[in-house]
PDB file of all heavy atoms in Angstrom:
ATOM      1  N   GLU A   1     156.143  37.404 100.271  1.00  0.00           N
ATOM      2  CA  GLU A   1     156.768  38.687 100.606  1.00  0.00           C
ATOM      3  C   GLU A   1     157.659  38.612 101.845  1.00  0.00           C
ATOM      4  O   GLU A   1     158.761  39.153 101.846  1.00  0.00           O
ATOM      5  CB  GLU A   1     155.680  39.755 100.798  1.00  0.00           C
ATOM      6  CG  GLU A   1     156.229  41.151 100.877  1.00  0.00           C
ATOM      7  CD  GLU A   1     155.165  42.224 100.794  1.00  0.00           C
ATOM      8  OE1 GLU A   1     154.069  41.973 100.260  1.00  0.00           O
ATOM      9  OE2 GLU A   1     155.450  43.342 101.256  1.00  0.00           O
ATOM     10  N   GLU A   2     157.211  37.930 102.892  1.00  0.00           N
ATOM     11  CA  GLU A   2     158.022  37.839 104.112  1.00  0.00           C
ATOM     12  C   GLU A   2     159.319  37.070 103.872  1.00  0.00           C
ATOM     13  O   GLU A   2     160.353  37.392 104.455  1.00  0.00           O
ATOM     14  CB  GLU A   2     157.219  37.222 105.264  1.00  0.00           C
ATOM     15  CG  GLU A   2     156.298  38.209 105.941  1.00  0.00           C
ATOM     16  CD  GLU A   2     157.012  39.465 106.438  1.00  0.00           C
ATOM     17  OE1 GLU A   2     158.007  39.361 107.172  1.00  0.00           O
ATOM     18  OE2 GLU A   2     156.566  40.570 106.073  1.00  0.00           O
ATOM     19  N   GLU A   3     159.277  36.063 103.015  1.00  0.00           N
ATOM     20  CA  GLU A   3     160.492  35.314 102.688  1.00  0.00           C
ATOM     21  C   GLU A   3     161.433  36.172 101.851  1.00  0.00           C
ATOM     22  O   GLU A   3     162.658  36.102 102.010  1.00  0.00           O
ATOM     23  CB  GLU A   3     160.134  34.016 101.950  1.00  0.00           C
ATOM     24  CG  GLU A   3     159.436  33.012 102.845  1.00  0.00           C
ATOM     25  CD  GLU A   3     158.780  31.871 102.101  1.00  0.00           C
ATOM     26  OE1 GLU A   3     158.209  32.097 101.010  1.00  0.00           O
ATOM     27  OE2 GLU A   3     158.830  30.754 102.627  1.00  0.00           O
ATOM     28  N   LEU A   4     160.872  36.995 100.969  1.00  0.00           N
ATOM     29  CA  LEU A   4     161.707  37.902 100.169  1.00  0.00           C
ATOM     30  C   LEU A   4     162.386  38.942 101.043  1.00  0.00           C
ATOM     31  O   LEU A   4     163.535  39.305 100.803  1.00  0.00           O
ATOM     32  CB  LEU A   4     160.870  38.624  99.107  1.00  0.00           C
ATOM     33  CG  LEU A   4     160.635  37.909  97.805  1.00  0.00           C
ATOM     34  CD1 LEU A   4     159.847  38.797  96.856  1.00  0.00           C
ATOM     35  CD2 LEU A   4     161.922  37.469  97.148  1.00  0.00           C
ATOM     36  N   LYS A   5     161.684  39.427 102.045  1.00  0.00           N
ATOM     37  CA  LYS A   5     162.245  40.441 102.945  1.00  0.00           C
ATOM     38  C   LYS A   5     163.550  39.933 103.576  1.00  0.00           C
ATOM     39  O   LYS A   5     164.490  40.683 103.762  1.00  0.00           O
ATOM     40  CB  LYS A   5     161.227  40.811 104.020  1.00  0.00           C
ATOM     41  CG  LYS A   5     161.637  41.983 104.869  1.00  0.00           C
ATOM     42  CD  LYS A   5     160.470  42.428 105.716  1.00  0.00           C
ATOM     43  CE  LYS A   5     160.669  43.783 106.302  1.00  0.00           C
ATOM     44  NZ  LYS A   5     160.783  44.870 105.370  1.00  0.00           N
ATOM     45  N   LEU A   6     163.604  38.632 103.842  1.00  0.00           N
ATOM     46  CA  LEU A   6     164.781  38.026 104.484  1.00  0.00           C
ATOM     47  C   LEU A   6     165.703  37.352 103.467  1.00  0.00           C
ATOM     48  O   LEU A   6     166.579  36.569 103.831  1.00  0.00           O
ATOM     49  CB  LEU A   6     164.321  37.013 105.533  1.00  0.00           C
ATOM     50  CG  LEU A   6     163.393  37.572 106.615  1.00  0.00           C
ATOM     51  CD1 LEU A   6     162.936  36.473 107.550  1.00  0.00           C
ATOM     52  CD2 LEU A   6     164.054  38.710 107.378  1.00  0.00           C
ATOM     53  N   PHE A   7     165.530  37.673 102.194  1.00  0.00           N
ATOM     54  CA  PHE A   7     166.256  37.031 101.103  1.00  0.00           C
ATOM     55  C   PHE A   7     167.768  37.014 101.307  1.00  0.00           C
ATOM     56  O   PHE A   7     168.415  35.982 101.153  1.00  0.00           O
ATOM     57  CB  PHE A   7     165.913  37.739  99.784  1.00  0.00           C
ATOM     58  CG  PHE A   7     166.658  37.206  98.612  1.00  0.00           C
ATOM     59  CD1 PHE A   7     166.283  36.002  98.036  1.00  0.00           C
ATOM     60  CD2 PHE A   7     167.751  37.876  98.084  1.00  0.00           C
ATOM     61  CE1 PHE A   7     166.976  35.482  96.953  1.00  0.00           C
ATOM     62  CE2 PHE A   7     168.451  37.369  97.003  1.00  0.00           C
ATOM     63  CZ  PHE A   7     168.065  36.174  96.438  1.00  0.00           C
ATOM     64  N   LEU A   8     168.362  38.152 101.664  1.00  0.00           N
ATOM     65  CA  LEU A   8     169.820  38.238 101.795  1.00  0.00           C
ATOM     66  C   LEU A   8     170.344  37.348 102.915  1.00  0.00           C
ATOM     67  O   LEU A   8     171.477  36.864 102.851  1.00  0.00           O
ATOM     68  CB  LEU A   8     170.258  39.691 102.020  1.00  0.00           C
ATOM     69  CG  LEU A   8     169.966  40.656 100.870  1.00  0.00           C
ATOM     70  CD1 LEU A   8     170.371  42.078 101.257  1.00  0.00           C
ATOM     71  CD2 LEU A   8     170.670  40.219  99.599  1.00  0.00           C
ATOM     72  N   GLN A   9     169.525  37.084 103.911  1.00  0.00           N
ATOM     73  CA  GLN A   9     169.951  36.248 105.028  1.00  0.00           C
ATOM     74  C   GLN A   9     170.097  34.782 104.627  1.00  0.00           C
ATOM     75  O   GLN A   9     170.689  34.002 105.365  1.00  0.00           O
ATOM     76  CB  GLN A   9     168.998  36.426 106.208  1.00  0.00           C
ATOM     77  CG  GLN A   9     169.087  37.836 106.763  1.00  0.00           C
ATOM     78  CD  GLN A   9     168.042  38.148 107.801  1.00  0.00           C
ATOM     79  OE1 GLN A   9     167.271  37.290 108.216  1.00  0.00           O
ATOM     80  NE2 GLN A   9     168.002  39.394 108.226  1.00  0.00           N
ATOM     81  N   ASN A  10     169.591  34.421 103.455  1.00  0.00           N
ATOM     82  CA  ASN A  10     169.831  33.074 102.925  1.00  0.00           C
ATOM     83  C   ASN A  10     171.276  32.914 102.459  1.00  0.00           C
ATOM     84  O   ASN A  10     171.753  31.803 102.273  1.00  0.00           O
ATOM     85  CB  ASN A  10     168.887  32.775 101.757  1.00  0.00           C
ATOM     86  CG  ASN A  10     167.456  32.614 102.207  1.00  0.00           C
ATOM     87  OD1 ASN A  10     167.124  31.664 102.885  1.00  0.00           O
ATOM     88  ND2 ASN A  10     166.620  33.565 101.848  1.00  0.00           N
ATOM     89  N   PHE A  11     171.959  34.024 102.261  1.00  0.00           N
ATOM     90  CA  PHE A  11     173.355  34.018 101.834  1.00  0.00           C
ATOM     91  C   PHE A  11     174.297  34.208 103.014  1.00  0.00           C
ATOM     92  O   PHE A  11     175.413  33.714 102.994  1.00  0.00           O
ATOM     93  CB  PHE A  11     173.593  35.121 100.798  1.00  0.00           C
ATOM     94  CG  PHE A  11     172.875  34.874  99.509  1.00  0.00           C
ATOM     95  CD1 PHE A  11     171.560  35.277  99.346  1.00  0.00           C
ATOM     96  CD2 PHE A  11     173.499  34.225  98.454  1.00  0.00           C
ATOM     97  CE1 PHE A  11     170.878  35.032  98.165  1.00  0.00           C
ATOM     98  CE2 PHE A  11     172.831  33.976  97.272  1.00  0.00           C
ATOM     99  CZ  PHE A  11     171.506  34.377  97.121  1.00  0.00           C
ATOM    100  N   SER A  12     173.851  34.938 104.021  1.00  0.00           N
ATOM    101  CA  SER A  12     174.636  35.167 105.230  1.00  0.00           C
ATOM    102  C   SER A  12     173.676  35.536 106.354  1.00  0.00           C
ATOM    103  O   SER A  12     172.863  36.457 106.203  1.00  0.00           O
ATOM    104  CB  SER A  12     175.638  36.309 105.019  1.00  0.00           C
ATOM    105  OG  SER A  12     176.261  36.650 106.249  1.00  0.00           O
ATOM    106  N   ALA A  13     173.777  34.830 107.470  1.00  0.00           N
ATOM    107  CA  ALA A  13     172.872  35.072 108.595  1.00  0.00           C
ATOM    108  C   ALA A  13     172.959  36.508 109.105  1.00  0.00           C
ATOM    109  O   ALA A  13     171.989  37.044 109.644  1.00  0.00           O
ATOM    110  CB  ALA A  13     173.169  34.097 109.722  1.00  0.00           C
ATOM    111  N   SER A  14     174.104  37.153 108.901  1.00  0.00           N
ATOM    112  CA  SER A  14     174.278  38.515 109.413  1.00  0.00           C
ATOM    113  C   SER A  14     173.860  39.587 108.398  1.00  0.00           C
ATOM    114  O   SER A  14     173.949  40.774 108.693  1.00  0.00           O
ATOM    115  CB  SER A  14     175.735  38.739 109.820  1.00  0.00           C
ATOM    116  OG  SER A  14     176.580  38.609 108.684  1.00  0.00           O
ATOM    117  N   ALA A  15     173.391  39.179 107.230  1.00  0.00           N
ATOM    118  CA  ALA A  15     172.971  40.151 106.213  1.00  0.00           C
ATOM    119  C   ALA A  15     171.711  40.878 106.683  1.00  0.00           C
ATOM    120  O   ALA A  15     170.929  40.366 107.478  1.00  0.00           O
ATOM    121  CB  ALA A  15     172.714  39.443 104.889  1.00  0.00           C
ATOM    122  N   ARG A  16     171.512  42.048 106.130  1.00  0.00           N
ATOM    123  CA  ARG A  16     170.357  42.856 106.511  1.00  0.00           C
ATOM    124  C   ARG A  16     169.083  42.327 105.845  1.00  0.00           C
ATOM    125  O   ARG A  16     169.133  41.604 104.858  1.00  0.00           O
ATOM    126  CB  ARG A  16     170.583  44.315 106.098  1.00  0.00           C
ATOM    127  CG  ARG A  16     170.561  44.534 104.589  1.00  0.00           C
ATOM    128  CD  ARG A  16     170.712  46.016 104.235  1.00  0.00           C
ATOM    129  NE  ARG A  16     170.681  46.242 102.804  1.00  0.00           N
ATOM    130  CZ  ARG A  16     169.566  46.445 102.098  1.00  0.00           C
ATOM    131  NH1 ARG A  16     168.393  46.444 102.694  1.00  0.00           N
ATOM    132  NH2 ARG A  16     169.617  46.655 100.793  1.00  0.00           N
ATOM    133  N   ALA A  17     167.963  42.726 106.398  1.00  0.00           N
ATOM    134  CA  ALA A  17     166.677  42.453 105.747  1.00  0.00           C
ATOM    135  C   ALA A  17     166.484  43.503 104.663  1.00  0.00           C
ATOM    136  O   ALA A  17     166.993  44.627 104.766  1.00  0.00           O
ATOM    137  CB  ALA A  17     165.542  42.537 106.766  1.00  0.00           C
ATOM    138  N   LEU A  18     165.765  43.136 103.611  1.00  0.00           N
ATOM    139  CA  LEU A  18     165.433  44.111 102.583  1.00  0.00           C
ATOM    140  C   LEU A  18     164.433  45.113 103.149  1.00  0.00           C
ATOM    141  O   LEU A  18     163.622  44.767 104.016  1.00  0.00           O
ATOM    142  CB  LEU A  18     164.826  43.426 101.355  1.00  0.00           C
ATOM    143  CG  LEU A  18     165.724  42.457 100.595  1.00  0.00           C
ATOM    144  CD1 LEU A  18     164.961  41.850  99.413  1.00  0.00           C
ATOM    145  CD2 LEU A  18     166.982  43.133 100.098  1.00  0.00           C
ATOM    146  N   THR A  19     164.487  46.338 102.672  1.00  0.00           N
ATOM    147  CA  THR A  19     163.501  47.336 103.083  1.00  0.00           C
ATOM    148  C   THR A  19     162.152  46.972 102.460  1.00  0.00           C
ATOM    149  O   THR A  19     162.075  46.165 101.528  1.00  0.00           O
ATOM    150  CB  THR A  19     163.900  48.749 102.621  1.00  0.00           C
ATOM    151  OG1 THR A  19     163.877  48.787 101.184  1.00  0.00           O
ATOM    152  CG2 THR A  19     165.282  49.150 103.143  1.00  0.00           C
ATOM    153  N   ASP A  20     161.092  47.576 102.946  1.00  0.00           N
ATOM    154  CA  ASP A  20     159.769  47.331 102.368  1.00  0.00           C
ATOM    155  C   ASP A  20     159.749  47.696 100.886  1.00  0.00           C
ATOM    156  O   ASP A  20     159.175  46.971 100.076  1.00  0.00           O
ATOM    157  CB  ASP A  20     158.690  48.109 103.118  1.00  0.00           C
ATOM    158  CG  ASP A  20     158.426  47.543 104.507  1.00  0.00           C
ATOM    159  OD1 ASP A  20     158.808  46.385 104.778  1.00  0.00           O
ATOM    160  OD2 ASP A  20     157.819  48.262 105.325  1.00  0.00           O
ATOM    161  N   LYS A  21     160.390  48.800 100.546  1.00  0.00           N
ATOM    162  CA  LYS A  21     160.441  49.243  99.150  1.00  0.00           C
ATOM    163  C   LYS A  21     161.163  48.204  98.285  1.00  0.00           C
ATOM    164  O   LYS A  21     160.682  47.825  97.214  1.00  0.00           O
ATOM    165  CB  LYS A  21     161.146  50.596  99.066  1.00  0.00           C
ATOM    166  CG  LYS A  21     161.325  51.119  97.653  1.00  0.00           C
ATOM    167  CD  LYS A  21     162.122  52.422  97.641  1.00  0.00           C
ATOM    168  CE  LYS A  21     162.431  52.822  96.214  1.00  0.00           C
ATOM    169  NZ  LYS A  21     163.497  53.779  96.121  1.00  0.00           N
ATOM    170  N   GLU A  22     162.329  47.744  98.744  1.00  0.00           N
ATOM    171  CA  GLU A  22     163.096  46.738  98.000  1.00  0.00           C
ATOM    172  C   GLU A  22     162.302  45.442  97.851  1.00  0.00           C
ATOM    173  O   GLU A  22     162.287  44.829  96.784  1.00  0.00           O
ATOM    174  CB  GLU A  22     164.423  46.437  98.720  1.00  0.00           C
ATOM    175  CG  GLU A  22     165.427  47.554  98.659  1.00  0.00           C
ATOM    176  CD  GLU A  22     166.609  47.307  99.569  1.00  0.00           C
ATOM    177  OE1 GLU A  22     166.421  46.788 100.700  1.00  0.00           O
ATOM    178  OE2 GLU A  22     167.734  47.634  99.164  1.00  0.00           O
ATOM    179  N   THR A  23     161.652  45.037  98.930  1.00  0.00           N
ATOM    180  CA  THR A  23     160.881  43.797  98.911  1.00  0.00           C
ATOM    181  C   THR A  23     159.753  43.881  97.896  1.00  0.00           C
ATOM    182  O   THR A  23     159.549  42.962  97.093  1.00  0.00           O
ATOM    183  CB  THR A  23     160.323  43.495 100.324  1.00  0.00           C
ATOM    184  OG1 THR A  23     161.399  43.429 101.256  1.00  0.00           O
ATOM    185  CG2 THR A  23     159.558  42.184 100.339  1.00  0.00           C
ATOM    186  N   LYS A  24     159.019  44.982  97.897  1.00  0.00           N
ATOM    187  CA  LYS A  24     157.902  45.149  96.963  1.00  0.00           C
ATOM    188  C   LYS A  24     158.390  45.212  95.511  1.00  0.00           C
ATOM    189  O   LYS A  24     157.775  44.633  94.616  1.00  0.00           O
ATOM    190  CB  LYS A  24     157.091  46.381  97.338  1.00  0.00           C
ATOM    191  CG  LYS A  24     156.293  46.174  98.617  1.00  0.00           C
ATOM    192  CD  LYS A  24     155.412  47.330  98.956  1.00  0.00           C
ATOM    193  CE  LYS A  24     154.735  47.192 100.308  1.00  0.00           C
ATOM    194  NZ  LYS A  24     154.227  45.906 100.658  1.00  0.00           N
ATOM    195  N   GLU A  25     159.518  45.886  95.274  1.00  0.00           N
ATOM    196  CA  GLU A  25     160.086  45.951  93.923  1.00  0.00           C
ATOM    197  C   GLU A  25     160.559  44.575  93.457  1.00  0.00           C
ATOM    198  O   GLU A  25     160.351  44.186  92.303  1.00  0.00           O
ATOM    199  CB  GLU A  25     161.239  46.956  93.878  1.00  0.00           C
ATOM    200  CG  GLU A  25     160.781  48.393  93.973  1.00  0.00           C
ATOM    201  CD  GLU A  25     161.935  49.389  94.089  1.00  0.00           C
ATOM    202  OE1 GLU A  25     163.112  48.965  94.186  1.00  0.00           O
ATOM    203  OE2 GLU A  25     161.646  50.600  94.091  1.00  0.00           O
ATOM    204  N   PHE A  26     161.192  43.834  94.352  1.00  0.00           N
ATOM    205  CA  PHE A  26     161.684  42.484  94.061  1.00  0.00           C
ATOM    206  C   PHE A  26     160.495  41.566  93.731  1.00  0.00           C
ATOM    207  O   PHE A  26     160.515  40.833  92.744  1.00  0.00           O
ATOM    208  CB  PHE A  26     162.458  41.984  95.286  1.00  0.00           C
ATOM    209  CG  PHE A  26     163.348  40.789  95.083  1.00  0.00           C
ATOM    210  CD1 PHE A  26     163.651  40.272  93.844  1.00  0.00           C
ATOM    211  CD2 PHE A  26     163.901  40.174  96.199  1.00  0.00           C
ATOM    212  CE1 PHE A  26     164.483  39.161  93.692  1.00  0.00           C
ATOM    213  CE2 PHE A  26     164.733  39.065  96.069  1.00  0.00           C
ATOM    214  CZ  PHE A  26     165.019  38.562  94.811  1.00  0.00           C
ATOM    215  N   LEU A  27     159.450  41.641  94.540  1.00  0.00           N
ATOM    216  CA  LEU A  27     158.254  40.834  94.310  1.00  0.00           C
ATOM    217  C   LEU A  27     157.602  41.198  92.978  1.00  0.00           C
ATOM    218  O   LEU A  27     157.259  40.319  92.180  1.00  0.00           O
ATOM    219  CB  LEU A  27     157.261  41.011  95.460  1.00  0.00           C
ATOM    220  CG  LEU A  27     155.961  40.218  95.360  1.00  0.00           C
ATOM    221  CD1 LEU A  27     156.228  38.728  95.316  1.00  0.00           C
ATOM    222  CD2 LEU A  27     155.047  40.551  96.530  1.00  0.00           C
ATOM    223  N   ALA A  28     157.470  42.484  92.708  1.00  0.00           N
ATOM    224  CA  ALA A  28     156.852  42.919  91.450  1.00  0.00           C
ATOM    225  C   ALA A  28     157.651  42.446  90.243  1.00  0.00           C
ATOM    226  O   ALA A  28     157.081  42.061  89.215  1.00  0.00           O
ATOM    227  CB  ALA A  28     156.716  44.443  91.443  1.00  0.00           C
ATOM    228  N   ALA A  29     158.971  42.438  90.354  1.00  0.00           N
ATOM    229  CA  ALA A  29     159.826  42.007  89.244  1.00  0.00           C
ATOM    230  C   ALA A  29     159.665  40.517  88.953  1.00  0.00           C
ATOM    231  O   ALA A  29     159.728  40.096  87.797  1.00  0.00           O
ATOM    232  CB  ALA A  29     161.289  42.321  89.560  1.00  0.00           C
ATOM    233  N   GLY A  30     159.435  39.724  89.988  1.00  0.00           N
ATOM    234  CA  GLY A  30     159.378  38.281  89.810  1.00  0.00           C
ATOM    235  C   GLY A  30     157.991  37.695  89.664  1.00  0.00           C
ATOM    236  O   GLY A  30     157.833  36.590  89.139  1.00  0.00           O
ATOM    237  N   ASP A  31     156.991  38.416  90.098  1.00  0.00           N
ATOM    238  CA  ASP A  31     155.621  37.895  90.132  1.00  0.00           C
ATOM    239  C   ASP A  31     154.909  38.158  88.802  1.00  0.00           C
ATOM    240  O   ASP A  31     154.054  39.017  88.701  1.00  0.00           O
ATOM    241  CB  ASP A  31     154.864  38.536  91.298  1.00  0.00           C
ATOM    242  CG  ASP A  31     153.455  38.010  91.451  1.00  0.00           C
ATOM    243  OD1 ASP A  31     153.151  36.931  90.913  1.00  0.00           O
ATOM    244  OD2 ASP A  31     152.647  38.698  92.102  1.00  0.00           O
ATOM    245  N   SER A  32     155.247  37.371  87.786  1.00  0.00           N
ATOM    246  CA  SER A  32     154.727  37.627  86.439  1.00  0.00           C
ATOM    247  C   SER A  32     153.234  37.336  86.301  1.00  0.00           C
ATOM    248  O   SER A  32     152.579  37.892  85.425  1.00  0.00           O
ATOM    249  CB  SER A  32     155.509  36.822  85.401  1.00  0.00           C
ATOM    250  OG  SER A  32     155.392  35.431  85.659  1.00  0.00           O
ATOM    251  N   ASP A  33     152.675  36.491  87.176  1.00  0.00           N
ATOM    252  CA  ASP A  33     151.244  36.197  87.077  1.00  0.00           C
ATOM    253  C   ASP A  33     150.405  36.984  88.086  1.00  0.00           C
ATOM    254  O   ASP A  33     149.203  36.757  88.218  1.00  0.00           O
ATOM    255  CB  ASP A  33     150.970  34.698  87.189  1.00  0.00           C
ATOM    256  CG  ASP A  33     151.406  34.107  88.523  1.00  0.00           C
ATOM    257  OD1 ASP A  33     151.834  34.862  89.423  1.00  0.00           O
ATOM    258  OD2 ASP A  33     151.328  32.874  88.661  1.00  0.00           O
ATOM    259  N   ALA A  34     151.044  37.906  88.796  1.00  0.00           N
ATOM    260  CA  ALA A  34     150.368  38.834  89.721  1.00  0.00           C
ATOM    261  C   ALA A  34     149.542  38.131  90.800  1.00  0.00           C
ATOM    262  O   ALA A  34     148.495  38.630  91.205  1.00  0.00           O
ATOM    263  CB  ALA A  34     149.516  39.833  88.940  1.00  0.00           C
ATOM    264  N   ASP A  35     150.059  37.003  91.310  1.00  0.00           N
ATOM    265  CA  ASP A  35     149.343  36.320  92.383  1.00  0.00           C
ATOM    266  C   ASP A  35     149.900  36.661  93.770  1.00  0.00           C
ATOM    267  O   ASP A  35     149.491  36.087  94.774  1.00  0.00           O
ATOM    268  CB  ASP A  35     149.326  34.808  92.161  1.00  0.00           C
ATOM    269  CG  ASP A  35     150.705  34.163  92.202  1.00  0.00           C
ATOM    270  OD1 ASP A  35     151.711  34.888  92.305  1.00  0.00           O
ATOM    271  OD2 ASP A  35     150.778  32.916  92.110  1.00  0.00           O
ATOM    272  N   GLY A  36     150.848  37.583  93.831  1.00  0.00           N
ATOM    273  CA  GLY A  36     151.386  38.030  95.107  1.00  0.00           C
ATOM    274  C   GLY A  36     152.500  37.175  95.671  1.00  0.00           C
ATOM    275  O   GLY A  36     152.896  37.338  96.818  1.00  0.00           O
TER     276      GLY A  36
END
């Protein structure tokens, strides 16, 4: 989750962090085995 929060910064150091809501939605979309 913490790495996802900073996901956009992997594309540009000045990009914003994802909000908690965005991070949780992104994680839920990708975490098909529900291991967090």
